[in-house]
Structures are given as structure tokens and as C-alpha cells.
């Protein structure tokens, strides 16, 4: 039912814009315009928006006026309603893990590492120690 739109003092183009919103009553349209104030202003323009709001206000039923004048419920779509669980610390010493990583990276970044068997053995030992620590 969009006959209330036909009764508004607007151009046919503006009425067509309002019909595209798919609302069925003046209260529904006013609620939509209020819910998205910035988008409504951009969609219709400030002067037309004021004209539409005034025209809609005159056509509200008592029930719609009471409903729109009441308190607004707030809710958050997709928002967490419970506190986040605390992260569980890993079962190993982070400083020791970081030290092993740093030592391995330093050894691997040396020139000629792959040709030096002593350095390769040390890297293998450190990687084994690191893997053992992470598997616990």
C-alpha cells in the first residue's frame, strides 16, 4: 500500500524513489528514514527529506506515533556477548623457544653453512631440541 506516497507534495521522481524502498505505511517509512539518517539524506537530499518527514508525521496513526516515540532497543549484530576466553599459554618456555629459533636462523644465515659439517650438526641438534620442546 503506497497510496500515502501519492498524497505527498513531491515530484513523480521523488515518489518513485520512495516507492523503491518497499515500505507499506507512513510509520514504516519514517522508521526506515530514522534508522538510516545519513543514507536517507544522501538518497533524497536534505530538503526533500524534511518535506517527506513532515508529510509522514501528519499521516501517522496513533499506534505508529506511540511506537516511534518509545524507547529504542539497542542490540549489536554479530557482537560477542560474552567475554573472550583467556588465551592458554603454551606448555613450553617462550623465551627458550625464541632463543632456539634465533640461534638456528643465525647459523643458517652464515655464508658457507651447508659446507661446514660442524655447523650443520649444531643446527640439527638445535632443531631437534626445538622440535622436542614443541611436541610436549
C-alpha atoms as a PDB file:
ATOM      1  CA  UNK A   1       0.000   0.000   0.000  1.00  0.00           C
ATOM      2  CA  UNK A   2       1.832   3.085  -1.225  1.00  0.00           C
ATOM      3  CA  UNK A   3      -1.139   5.428  -1.659  1.00  0.00           C
ATOM      4  CA  UNK A   4       0.219   7.577   1.181  1.00  0.00           C
ATOM      5  CA  UNK A   5       3.219   8.294  -1.075  1.00  0.00           C
ATOM      6  CA  UNK A   6       0.879   9.502  -3.850  1.00  0.00           C
ATOM      7  CA  UNK A   7      -0.622  12.050  -1.437  1.00  0.00           C
ATOM      8  CA  UNK A   8       2.729  13.675  -0.636  1.00  0.00           C
ATOM      9  CA  UNK A   9       3.619  17.033  -2.212  1.00  0.00           C
ATOM     10  CA  UNK A  10       6.582  15.628  -4.178  1.00  0.00           C
ATOM     11  CA  UNK A  11       7.675  15.246  -7.777  1.00  0.00           C
ATOM     12  CA  UNK A  12       6.998  11.952  -9.521  1.00  0.00           C
ATOM     13  CA  UNK A  13      10.730  11.211  -9.436  1.00  0.00           C
ATOM     14  CA  UNK A  14      10.856  11.613  -5.654  1.00  0.00           C
ATOM     15  CA  UNK A  15       7.722   9.496  -5.239  1.00  0.00           C
ATOM     16  CA  UNK A  16       9.351   6.799  -7.366  1.00  0.00           C
ATOM     17  CA  UNK A  17      12.402   6.852  -5.091  1.00  0.00           C
ATOM     18  CA  UNK A  18      10.169   6.420  -2.031  1.00  0.00           C
ATOM     19  CA  UNK A  19       8.245   3.546  -3.650  1.00  0.00           C
ATOM     20  CA  UNK A  20      11.565   1.787  -4.322  1.00  0.00           C
ATOM     21  CA  UNK A  21      12.036   1.481  -0.548  1.00  0.00           C
ATOM     22  CA  UNK A  22       9.170  -1.036  -0.395  1.00  0.00           C
ATOM     23  CA  UNK A  23       7.501   0.264   2.757  1.00  0.00           C
ATOM     24  CA  UNK A  24       3.804  -0.257   3.467  1.00  0.00           C
ATOM     25  CA  UNK A  25       2.922   2.550   5.872  1.00  0.00           C
ATOM     26  CA  UNK A  26       3.967   6.070   6.884  1.00  0.00           C
ATOM     27  CA  UNK A  27       5.273   4.729  10.205  1.00  0.00           C
ATOM     28  CA  UNK A  28       7.365   2.105   8.495  1.00  0.00           C
ATOM     29  CA  UNK A  29       8.869   4.689   6.146  1.00  0.00           C
ATOM     30  CA  UNK A  30       9.591   7.124   8.974  1.00  0.00           C
ATOM     31  CA  UNK A  31      11.266   4.343  10.961  1.00  0.00           C
ATOM     32  CA  UNK A  32      13.381   3.425   7.938  1.00  0.00           C
ATOM     33  CA  UNK A  33      14.413   7.029   7.329  1.00  0.00           C
ATOM     34  CA  UNK A  34      15.294   7.475  11.015  1.00  0.00           C
ATOM     35  CA  UNK A  35      17.253   4.217  11.163  1.00  0.00           C
ATOM     36  CA  UNK A  36      19.469   5.271   8.252  1.00  0.00           C
ATOM     37  CA  UNK A  37      19.638   9.041   8.627  1.00  0.00           C
ATOM     38  CA  UNK A  38      22.813   9.657   6.620  1.00  0.00           C
ATOM     39  CA  UNK A  39      21.815   7.255   3.837  1.00  0.00           C
ATOM     40  CA  UNK A  40      18.330   8.834   3.712  1.00  0.00           C
ATOM     41  CA  UNK A  41      19.845  12.305   3.434  1.00  0.00           C
ATOM     42  CA  UNK A  42      22.105  11.141   0.597  1.00  0.00           C
ATOM     43  CA  UNK A  43      19.264   9.276  -1.125  1.00  0.00           C
ATOM     44  CA  UNK A  44      16.667  12.062  -1.064  1.00  0.00           C
ATOM     45  CA  UNK A  45      18.602  15.223  -0.313  1.00  0.00           C
ATOM     46  CA  UNK A  46      18.095  17.285   2.847  1.00  0.00           C
ATOM     47  CA  UNK A  47      15.245  19.474   1.559  1.00  0.00           C
ATOM     48  CA  UNK A  48      13.175  16.546   0.229  1.00  0.00           C
ATOM     49  CA  UNK A  49      13.915  14.510   3.358  1.00  0.00           C
ATOM     50  CA  UNK A  50      12.499  17.290   5.564  1.00  0.00           C
ATOM     51  CA  UNK A  51       9.430  17.550   3.334  1.00  0.00           C
ATOM     52  CA  UNK A  52       8.898  13.758   3.470  1.00  0.00           C
ATOM     53  CA  UNK A  53       9.355  13.595   7.247  1.00  0.00           C
ATOM     54  CA  UNK A  54       6.798  16.393   7.769  1.00  0.00           C
ATOM     55  CA  UNK A  55       4.298  14.737   5.412  1.00  0.00           C
ATOM     56  CA  UNK A  56       4.771  11.359   7.065  1.00  0.00           C
ATOM     57  CA  UNK A  57       4.363  12.824  10.551  1.00  0.00           C
ATOM     58  CA  UNK A  58       0.923  14.102   9.581  1.00  0.00           C
ATOM     59  CA  UNK A  59      -0.151  10.655   8.344  1.00  0.00           C
ATOM     60  CA  UNK A  60       0.965   8.551  11.329  1.00  0.00           C
ATOM     61  CA  UNK A  61      -1.671   6.548  13.152  1.00  0.00           C
ATOM     62  CA  UNK A  62      -1.770   6.849  16.937  1.00  0.00           C
ATOM     63  CA  UNK A  63      -0.270   3.369  17.278  1.00  0.00           C
ATOM     64  CA  UNK A  64       2.593   4.261  14.927  1.00  0.00           C
ATOM     65  CA  UNK A  65       3.198   7.548  16.739  1.00  0.00           C
ATOM     66  CA  UNK A  66       3.355   5.713  20.110  1.00  0.00           C
ATOM     67  CA  UNK A  67       5.657   3.051  18.708  1.00  0.00           C
ATOM     68  CA  UNK A  68       8.040   5.553  17.106  1.00  0.00           C
ATOM     69  CA  UNK A  69       8.031   7.758  20.195  1.00  0.00           C
ATOM     70  CA  UNK A  70       9.002   4.905  22.506  1.00  0.00           C
ATOM     71  CA  UNK A  71      12.470   3.899  23.626  1.00  0.00           C
ATOM     72  CA  UNK A  72      14.750   2.310  21.061  1.00  0.00           C
ATOM     73  CA  UNK A  73      16.130  -1.113  21.881  1.00  0.00           C
ATOM     74  CA  UNK A  74      19.826  -1.447  21.251  1.00  0.00           C
ATOM     75  CA  UNK A  75      21.430  -4.607  20.017  1.00  0.00           C
ATOM     76  CA  UNK A  76      24.655  -5.453  18.304  1.00  0.00           C
ATOM     77  CA  UNK A  77      24.550  -7.782  15.349  1.00  0.00           C
ATOM     78  CA  UNK A  78      27.450 -10.146  15.328  1.00  0.00           C
ATOM     79  CA  UNK A  79      28.880  -8.760  18.543  1.00  0.00           C
ATOM     80  CA  UNK A  80      30.304 -11.085  21.145  1.00  0.00           C
ATOM     81  CA  UNK A  81      28.023 -11.103  24.165  1.00  0.00           C
ATOM     82  CA  UNK A  82      30.433 -12.922  26.488  1.00  0.00           C
ATOM     83  CA  UNK A  83      33.990 -12.050  27.395  1.00  0.00           C
ATOM     84  CA  UNK A  84      36.629 -13.759  25.299  1.00  0.00           C
ATOM     85  CA  UNK A  85      38.299 -16.727  26.936  1.00  0.00           C
ATOM     86  CA  UNK A  86      41.823 -16.049  28.116  1.00  0.00           C
ATOM     87  CA  UNK A  87      44.458 -17.494  25.831  1.00  0.00           C
ATOM     88  CA  UNK A  88      46.054 -20.643  27.154  1.00  0.00           C
ATOM     89  CA  UNK A  89      49.817 -20.259  27.432  1.00  0.00           C
ATOM     90  CA  UNK A  90      51.835 -22.903  25.603  1.00  0.00           C
ATOM     91  CA  UNK A  91      53.359 -25.683  27.722  1.00  0.00           C
ATOM     92  CA  UNK A  92      56.923 -24.520  26.982  1.00  0.00           C
ATOM     93  CA  UNK A  93      59.100 -21.526  27.757  1.00  0.00           C
ATOM     94  CA  UNK A  94      58.567 -18.862  25.089  1.00  0.00           C
ATOM     95  CA  UNK A  95      61.935 -17.229  25.769  1.00  0.00           C
ATOM     96  CA  UNK A  96      63.712 -20.548  25.269  1.00  0.00           C
ATOM     97  CA  UNK A  97      61.780 -21.178  22.052  1.00  0.00           C
ATOM     98  CA  UNK A  98      62.679 -17.717  20.738  1.00  0.00           C
ATOM     99  CA  UNK A  99      66.330 -18.224  21.674  1.00  0.00           C
ATOM    100  CA  UNK A 100      66.467 -21.542  19.779  1.00  0.00           C
ATOM    101  CA  UNK A 101      64.804 -20.001  16.712  1.00  0.00           C
ATOM    102  CA  UNK A 102      67.200 -17.064  16.743  1.00  0.00           C
ATOM    103  CA  UNK A 103      70.246 -19.327  17.134  1.00  0.00           C
ATOM    104  CA  UNK A 104      69.115 -21.585  14.263  1.00  0.00           C
ATOM    105  CA  UNK A 105      68.431 -18.589  11.997  1.00  0.00           C
ATOM    106  CA  UNK A 106      71.814 -17.056  12.814  1.00  0.00           C
ATOM    107  CA  UNK A 107      73.623 -20.284  11.989  1.00  0.00           C
ATOM    108  CA  UNK A 108      71.677 -20.798   8.755  1.00  0.00           C
ATOM    109  CA  UNK A 109      72.373 -17.247   7.588  1.00  0.00           C
ATOM    110  CA  UNK A 110      76.165 -17.653   7.804  1.00  0.00           C
ATOM    111  CA  UNK A 111      77.884 -17.967   4.445  1.00  0.00           C
ATOM    112  CA  UNK A 112      79.130 -21.493   3.716  1.00  0.00           C
ATOM    113  CA  UNK A 113      76.933 -23.102   6.379  1.00  0.00           C
ATOM    114  CA  UNK A 114      75.947 -26.065   4.221  1.00  0.00           C
ATOM    115  CA  UNK A 115      79.629 -26.918   3.596  1.00  0.00           C
ATOM    116  CA  UNK A 116      80.548 -26.863   7.288  1.00  0.00           C
ATOM    117  CA  UNK A 117      79.552 -30.183   8.894  1.00  0.00           C
ATOM    118  CA  UNK A 118      80.114 -28.926  12.459  1.00  0.00           C
ATOM    119  CA  UNK A 119      77.677 -26.045  11.919  1.00  0.00           C
ATOM    120  CA  UNK A 120      75.183 -28.380  10.221  1.00  0.00           C
ATOM    121  CA  UNK A 121      75.404 -30.768  13.206  1.00  0.00           C
ATOM    122  CA  UNK A 122      74.789 -27.868  15.587  1.00  0.00           C
ATOM    123  CA  UNK A 123      71.754 -26.769  13.545  1.00  0.00           C
ATOM    124  CA  UNK A 124      70.391 -30.324  13.588  1.00  0.00           C
ATOM    125  CA  UNK A 125      70.889 -30.536  17.358  1.00  0.00           C
ATOM    126  CA  UNK A 126      69.143 -27.187  17.923  1.00  0.00           C
ATOM    127  CA  UNK A 127      66.255 -28.147  15.608  1.00  0.00           C
ATOM    128  CA  UNK A 128      65.896 -31.478  17.397  1.00  0.00           C
ATOM    129  CA  UNK A 129      65.834 -29.678  20.755  1.00  0.00           C
ATOM    130  CA  UNK A 130      63.251 -27.216  19.435  1.00  0.00           C
ATOM    131  CA  UNK A 131      61.048 -29.973  17.979  1.00  0.00           C
ATOM    132  CA  UNK A 132      61.203 -31.938  21.230  1.00  0.00           C
ATOM    133  CA  UNK A 133      60.194 -28.848  23.203  1.00  0.00           C
ATOM    134  CA  UNK A 134      57.245 -28.072  20.879  1.00  0.00           C
ATOM    135  CA  UNK A 135      55.950 -31.668  20.934  1.00  0.00           C
ATOM    136  CA  UNK A 136      55.465 -31.718  24.717  1.00  0.00           C
END
